[in-house]
């Protein structure tokens, strides 16, 4: 039986930095992630723990990228 897990970031700010969702398909070992800044991406994750860690890293990267782009445009 598959154990699919959804992830939602709760770190979104006024720039929408950190706004992201993820969906882990355990039977396929695939983590789907989406953010307005990057669109949809797929990653291989061995288990739910790794998927959660990868999602947290994804959120941190898009937060950093969004803030950097915001400051560069000022």
C-alpha atoms as a PDB file:
ATOM      1  CA  UNK A   1       0.000   0.000   0.000  1.00  0.00           C
ATOM      2  CA  UNK A   2       1.360   3.398  -0.946  1.00  0.00           C
ATOM      3  CA  UNK A   3       1.801   6.140   1.584  1.00  0.00           C
ATOM      4  CA  UNK A   4       1.593   9.451  -0.295  1.00  0.00           C
ATOM      5  CA  UNK A   5       2.466  12.594   1.641  1.00  0.00           C
ATOM      6  CA  UNK A   6       1.766  16.263   0.929  1.00  0.00           C
ATOM      7  CA  UNK A   7       4.038  19.077   2.075  1.00  0.00           C
ATOM      8  CA  UNK A   8       3.155  22.765   2.354  1.00  0.00           C
ATOM      9  CA  UNK A   9       5.575  25.526   3.256  1.00  0.00           C
ATOM     10  CA  UNK A  10       4.504  27.879   5.989  1.00  0.00           C
ATOM     11  CA  UNK A  11       7.322  30.363   5.484  1.00  0.00           C
ATOM     12  CA  UNK A  12       5.777  32.439   2.699  1.00  0.00           C
ATOM     13  CA  UNK A  13       6.240  36.164   3.180  1.00  0.00           C
ATOM     14  CA  UNK A  14       5.044  39.262   1.343  1.00  0.00           C
ATOM     15  CA  UNK A  15       7.361  38.421  -1.574  1.00  0.00           C
ATOM     16  CA  UNK A  16       5.924  34.894  -1.666  1.00  0.00           C
ATOM     17  CA  UNK A  17       9.435  33.662  -0.963  1.00  0.00           C
ATOM     18  CA  UNK A  18       9.200  30.191   0.456  1.00  0.00           C
ATOM     19  CA  UNK A  19       5.740  29.543  -0.979  1.00  0.00           C
ATOM     20  CA  UNK A  20       5.791  25.925  -2.126  1.00  0.00           C
ATOM     21  CA  UNK A  21       3.946  22.632  -2.130  1.00  0.00           C
ATOM     22  CA  UNK A  22       5.232  19.100  -2.442  1.00  0.00           C
ATOM     23  CA  UNK A  23       3.766  15.667  -3.015  1.00  0.00           C
ATOM     24  CA  UNK A  24       5.686  12.453  -2.328  1.00  0.00           C
ATOM     25  CA  UNK A  25       4.602   9.300  -4.164  1.00  0.00           C
ATOM     26  CA  UNK A  26       6.105   6.552  -2.024  1.00  0.00           C
ATOM     27  CA  UNK A  27       5.312   3.737  -4.463  1.00  0.00           C
ATOM     28  CA  UNK A  28       7.357   5.529  -7.158  1.00  0.00           C
ATOM     29  CA  UNK A  29       9.921   7.193  -4.841  1.00  0.00           C
ATOM     30  CA  UNK A  30       9.192  10.525  -6.532  1.00  0.00           C
ATOM     31  CA  UNK A  31       8.889  13.910  -4.857  1.00  0.00           C
ATOM     32  CA  UNK A  32       6.995  16.521  -6.873  1.00  0.00           C
ATOM     33  CA  UNK A  33       7.627  20.117  -5.817  1.00  0.00           C
ATOM     34  CA  UNK A  34       6.092  23.352  -7.052  1.00  0.00           C
ATOM     35  CA  UNK A  35       6.602  27.015  -6.354  1.00  0.00           C
ATOM     36  CA  UNK A  36       5.534  30.105  -8.289  1.00  0.00           C
ATOM     37  CA  UNK A  37       9.220  31.021  -8.650  1.00  0.00           C
ATOM     38  CA  UNK A  38      10.378  27.719 -10.174  1.00  0.00           C
ATOM     39  CA  UNK A  39       7.365  25.852 -11.474  1.00  0.00           C
ATOM     40  CA  UNK A  40       7.070  22.063 -11.189  1.00  0.00           C
ATOM     41  CA  UNK A  41      10.075  19.830 -10.556  1.00  0.00           C
ATOM     42  CA  UNK A  42      10.482  16.124  -9.841  1.00  0.00           C
ATOM     43  CA  UNK A  43      13.134  14.544  -7.628  1.00  0.00           C
ATOM     44  CA  UNK A  44      13.943  11.000  -6.564  1.00  0.00           C
ATOM     45  CA  UNK A  45      13.546  10.427  -2.809  1.00  0.00           C
ATOM     46  CA  UNK A  46      14.225   7.044  -1.197  1.00  0.00           C
ATOM     47  CA  UNK A  47      11.733   7.464   1.640  1.00  0.00           C
ATOM     48  CA  UNK A  48       9.417   9.957   3.335  1.00  0.00           C
ATOM     49  CA  UNK A  49      12.164  11.277   5.615  1.00  0.00           C
ATOM     50  CA  UNK A  50      14.404  12.059   2.667  1.00  0.00           C
ATOM     51  CA  UNK A  51      11.445  13.586   0.777  1.00  0.00           C
ATOM     52  CA  UNK A  52      10.701  15.892   3.714  1.00  0.00           C
ATOM     53  CA  UNK A  53      14.343  16.958   3.947  1.00  0.00           C
ATOM     54  CA  UNK A  54      14.499  17.586   0.197  1.00  0.00           C
ATOM     55  CA  UNK A  55      11.310  19.654   0.375  1.00  0.00           C
ATOM     56  CA  UNK A  56      12.749  21.780   3.197  1.00  0.00           C
ATOM     57  CA  UNK A  57      15.924  22.337   1.161  1.00  0.00           C
ATOM     58  CA  UNK A  58      13.803  23.300  -1.866  1.00  0.00           C
ATOM     59  CA  UNK A  59      11.879  25.864   0.202  1.00  0.00           C
ATOM     60  CA  UNK A  60      15.141  27.327   1.543  1.00  0.00           C
ATOM     61  CA  UNK A  61      16.569  27.617  -1.984  1.00  0.00           C
ATOM     62  CA  UNK A  62      13.524  29.327  -3.450  1.00  0.00           C
ATOM     63  CA  UNK A  63      13.316  31.689  -0.472  1.00  0.00           C
ATOM     64  CA  UNK A  64      16.938  32.690  -0.974  1.00  0.00           C
ATOM     65  CA  UNK A  65      16.498  33.023  -4.745  1.00  0.00           C
ATOM     66  CA  UNK A  66      13.344  35.144  -4.425  1.00  0.00           C
ATOM     67  CA  UNK A  67      14.961  37.484  -1.891  1.00  0.00           C
ATOM     68  CA  UNK A  68      18.114  37.821  -4.015  1.00  0.00           C
ATOM     69  CA  UNK A  69      16.087  38.659  -7.139  1.00  0.00           C
ATOM     70  CA  UNK A  70      14.048  41.177  -5.152  1.00  0.00           C
ATOM     71  CA  UNK A  71      17.152  42.975  -3.879  1.00  0.00           C
ATOM     72  CA  UNK A  72      18.833  42.876  -7.309  1.00  0.00           C
ATOM     73  CA  UNK A  73      15.848  44.638  -8.879  1.00  0.00           C
ATOM     74  CA  UNK A  74      15.926  47.523  -6.368  1.00  0.00           C
END
